[in-house]
Amino acid sequence: MANKILVIDDTTVVRVKVREMLPPGNFEVLEAKDGLEGYNLILHEKVSLIMLDFILPKMSGWEVFQKIQANSELKKIPLVIMSGRKEEVTEKIPEPFEYFEFLNKPFDNRQLITAIKSAMAKAAKKGSRDTATPVAAGKTEALAANPVSTQGEGASSSEIQALNAKIVKMQAEIDSLKKQLTQVVTFIKQKIK
């Protein structure tokens, strides 16, 4: 099944523009015309990416953002916040934006793809930070050489193996996201030619 991208924007033109800029077949684009409808879709659909306008009727983009951040599962979803007035976003959320990517309206294909890539990278980075694993990827050798102290004793080999397994799993997830992103970029480049 194609990845689901949810575009929450009260302007039909923006929703259609995003749909047309994304490669056909790789994505299923879901649309919501207000924050309440968008938030309900987030709760009931398994979306791969959320594109959220900041100024919306019924429930503002700010309110949707707060609800996403308050839910440990929802905040793992890559998020792109869109607005024609960045100062309205920075008024509520100071830069640098670490939990989402900002996309200034109006935007072109290149800017859209760059924002999606960045949002996915931030989500992957955030996901690795949010896990219980206290070891960063690439630190496996150091962990094996200097076992983590637990209650005054060295970590058992089973604990190290469990941590290493988590690292491998997280790296596989990151590699999968990178691969998907590369496929999207390649497809878009082919369509632009």
Protein backbone atom coordinates (compact mmCIF):
# COMPACT_ATOMS: atom_id res chain seq x y z
CA MET A 1 0.00 0.00 0.00
CA ALA A 2 1.17 3.50 -0.76
CA ASN A 3 2.32 5.81 2.02
CA LYS A 4 -0.44 8.10 3.24
CA ILE A 5 0.27 11.80 3.33
CA LEU A 6 -2.29 13.94 5.11
CA VAL A 7 -2.58 17.52 3.88
CA ILE A 8 -4.51 19.72 6.32
CA ASP A 9 -5.19 23.08 4.68
CA ASP A 10 -8.32 25.19 4.30
CA THR A 11 -7.25 26.22 0.78
CA THR A 12 -8.21 23.74 -1.94
CA VAL A 13 -5.45 25.10 -4.20
CA VAL A 14 -2.73 24.13 -1.68
CA ARG A 15 -4.18 20.64 -1.17
CA VAL A 16 -4.36 20.06 -4.93
CA LYS A 17 -0.88 21.52 -5.46
CA VAL A 18 0.68 19.10 -2.96
CA ARG A 19 -1.20 16.17 -4.54
CA GLU A 20 0.05 17.13 -8.01
CA MET A 21 3.67 17.67 -6.89
CA LEU A 22 3.99 14.23 -5.31
CA PRO A 23 4.81 11.23 -7.50
CA PRO A 24 1.65 9.31 -8.44
CA GLY A 25 1.42 5.75 -7.19
CA ASN A 26 3.92 6.20 -4.35
CA PHE A 27 1.59 8.17 -2.11
CA GLU A 28 -2.04 8.24 -1.19
CA VAL A 29 -2.90 11.85 -0.39
CA LEU A 30 -5.61 12.41 2.21
CA GLU A 31 -7.06 15.90 2.50
CA ALA A 32 -8.68 17.82 5.33
CA LYS A 33 -10.13 21.33 5.01
CA ASP A 34 -9.94 22.24 8.72
CA GLY A 35 -8.01 21.32 11.85
CA LEU A 36 -10.77 19.23 13.41
CA GLU A 37 -11.23 17.07 10.30
CA GLY A 38 -7.45 16.76 10.01
CA TYR A 39 -6.95 15.73 13.61
CA ASN A 40 -9.70 13.09 13.27
CA LEU A 41 -7.93 11.68 10.20
CA ILE A 42 -4.64 11.58 12.13
CA LEU A 43 -6.37 9.53 14.82
CA HIS A 44 -8.12 7.12 12.44
CA GLU A 45 -5.72 6.71 9.52
CA LYS A 46 -2.17 5.37 9.59
CA VAL A 47 -0.45 8.36 8.01
CA SER A 48 3.23 8.47 7.05
CA LEU A 49 3.49 12.27 6.94
CA ILE A 50 1.39 15.23 8.05
CA MET A 51 1.40 18.56 6.20
CA LEU A 52 -0.30 21.06 8.48
CA ASP A 53 -1.36 24.63 7.74
CA PHE A 54 -0.91 26.80 10.82
CA ILE A 55 -4.01 28.98 10.34
CA LEU A 56 -7.12 26.77 10.13
CA PRO A 57 -10.83 26.95 10.95
CA LYS A 58 -12.52 24.85 13.67
CA MET A 59 -9.17 23.85 15.25
CA SER A 60 -6.03 25.86 14.53
CA GLY A 61 -2.80 24.31 13.31
CA TRP A 62 -1.29 25.32 16.64
CA GLU A 63 -3.96 23.31 18.51
CA VAL A 64 -3.45 20.30 16.21
CA PHE A 65 0.33 20.57 16.76
CA GLN A 66 -0.16 20.61 20.55
CA LYS A 67 -2.39 17.52 20.41
CA ILE A 68 0.17 15.69 18.24
CA GLN A 69 3.02 16.58 20.61
CA ALA A 70 1.00 15.42 23.62
CA ASN A 71 0.58 11.92 22.13
CA SER A 72 3.71 9.75 22.19
CA GLU A 73 2.64 7.77 19.10
CA LEU A 74 1.44 10.71 17.00
CA LYS A 75 4.54 12.80 17.61
CA LYS A 76 6.62 10.13 15.83
CA ILE A 77 4.90 10.99 12.52
CA PRO A 78 6.97 13.30 10.30
CA LEU A 79 5.39 16.77 10.29
CA VAL A 80 5.62 19.72 7.92
CA ILE A 81 4.01 22.95 9.13
CA MET A 82 3.01 25.29 6.30
CA SER A 83 2.31 29.00 6.51
CA GLY A 84 2.64 32.15 4.46
CA ARG A 85 3.55 34.02 7.66
CA LYS A 86 6.41 32.38 9.49
CA GLU A 87 6.21 34.93 12.30
CA GLU A 88 2.84 33.44 13.36
CA VAL A 89 4.55 30.09 13.82
CA THR A 90 7.65 31.47 15.59
CA GLU A 91 5.39 33.43 17.91
CA LYS A 92 4.13 30.11 19.34
CA ILE A 93 7.10 27.82 18.61
CA PRO A 94 10.58 29.34 18.74
CA GLU A 95 13.24 28.37 16.23
CA PRO A 96 15.12 26.16 15.63
CA PHE A 97 12.23 23.84 14.83
CA GLU A 98 13.35 20.44 16.08
CA TYR A 99 10.05 18.54 15.96
CA PHE A 100 8.90 19.51 12.49
CA GLU A 101 9.96 21.15 9.26
CA PHE A 102 8.62 24.56 8.25
CA LEU A 103 7.49 25.18 4.66
CA ASN A 104 6.85 28.77 3.62
CA LYS A 105 3.90 29.35 1.29
CA PRO A 106 3.91 29.59 -1.66
CA PHE A 107 6.33 26.75 -2.41
CA ASP A 108 7.62 24.83 -5.41
CA ASN A 109 8.42 21.14 -6.04
CA ARG A 110 12.00 21.40 -4.79
CA GLN A 111 10.97 23.17 -1.58
CA LEU A 112 8.21 20.61 -0.95
CA ILE A 113 10.53 17.63 -1.39
CA THR A 114 13.24 19.26 0.74
CA ALA A 115 10.71 19.91 3.52
CA ILE A 116 9.45 16.31 3.39
CA LYS A 117 13.02 14.94 3.53
CA SER A 118 13.86 17.17 6.47
CA ALA A 119 10.66 16.27 8.34
CA MET A 120 11.40 12.56 7.90
CA ALA A 121 14.99 13.03 9.11
CA LYS A 122 13.80 15.01 12.15
CA ALA A 123 11.19 12.35 12.94
CA ALA A 124 13.81 9.57 12.68
CA LYS A 125 16.19 11.54 14.89
CA LYS A 126 13.41 12.31 17.38
CA GLY A 127 12.34 8.65 17.37
CA SER A 128 15.84 7.50 18.26
CA ARG A 129 15.99 10.11 21.04
CA ASP A 130 12.62 9.06 22.42
CA THR A 131 13.49 5.36 22.74
CA ALA A 132 14.69 3.93 26.00
CA THR A 133 18.06 3.05 24.46
CA PRO A 134 20.69 5.19 26.21
CA VAL A 135 23.27 4.46 23.52
CA ALA A 136 23.58 6.33 20.23
CA ALA A 137 24.13 4.44 16.97
CA GLY A 138 27.82 4.09 16.27
CA LYS A 139 28.68 3.66 19.97
CA THR A 140 28.32 -0.13 19.92
CA GLU A 141 32.06 -0.80 20.08
CA ALA A 142 32.52 1.61 22.99
CA LEU A 143 29.68 -0.07 24.85
CA ALA A 144 31.20 -3.51 24.35
CA ALA A 145 34.64 -2.29 25.45
CA ASN A 146 33.31 -0.33 28.45
CA PRO A 147 30.21 -2.07 29.76
CA VAL A 148 27.50 0.10 31.28
CA SER A 149 27.48 -0.05 35.04
CA THR A 150 24.29 -1.39 36.60
CA GLN A 151 24.07 -1.45 40.37
CA GLY A 152 27.86 -1.27 40.69
CA GLU A 153 28.53 -4.19 38.33
CA GLY A 154 29.25 -4.36 34.59
CA ALA A 155 26.35 -4.89 32.24
CA SER A 156 25.72 -8.51 31.35
CA SER A 157 26.31 -9.68 27.80
CA SER A 158 22.55 -10.19 27.41
CA GLU A 159 21.95 -6.51 28.26
CA ILE A 160 24.60 -5.45 25.76
CA GLN A 161 23.07 -7.73 23.12
CA ALA A 162 19.62 -6.27 23.80
CA LEU A 163 20.98 -2.74 23.40
CA ASN A 164 22.85 -3.72 20.25
CA ALA A 165 19.66 -5.27 18.86
CA LYS A 166 17.80 -2.01 19.51
CA ILE A 167 20.54 -0.06 17.76
CA VAL A 168 20.39 -2.39 14.74
CA LYS A 169 16.60 -2.09 14.61
CA MET A 170 16.73 1.72 14.80
CA GLN A 171 19.40 1.86 12.11
CA ALA A 172 17.27 -0.39 9.88
CA GLU A 173 14.32 1.97 10.34
CA ILE A 174 16.51 4.97 9.48
CA ASP A 175 17.91 3.17 6.42
CA SER A 176 14.37 2.30 5.31
CA LEU A 177 13.29 5.95 5.58
CA LYS A 178 16.38 7.04 3.65
CA LYS A 179 15.63 4.50 0.93
CA GLN A 180 12.01 5.67 0.64
CA LEU A 181 13.17 9.26 0.43
CA THR A 182 15.72 8.44 -2.26
CA GLN A 183 13.00 6.69 -4.28
CA VAL A 184 10.72 9.73 -3.98
CA VAL A 185 13.47 12.13 -5.05
CA THR A 186 14.51 9.92 -7.99
CA PHE A 187 10.93 9.62 -9.17
CA ILE A 188 10.33 13.36 -8.89
CA LYS A 189 13.56 14.12 -10.76
CA GLN A 190 12.40 11.79 -13.56
CA LYS A 191 9.03 13.55 -13.74
CA ILE A 192 10.63 17.00 -13.82
CA LYS A 193 12.87 16.13 -16.81
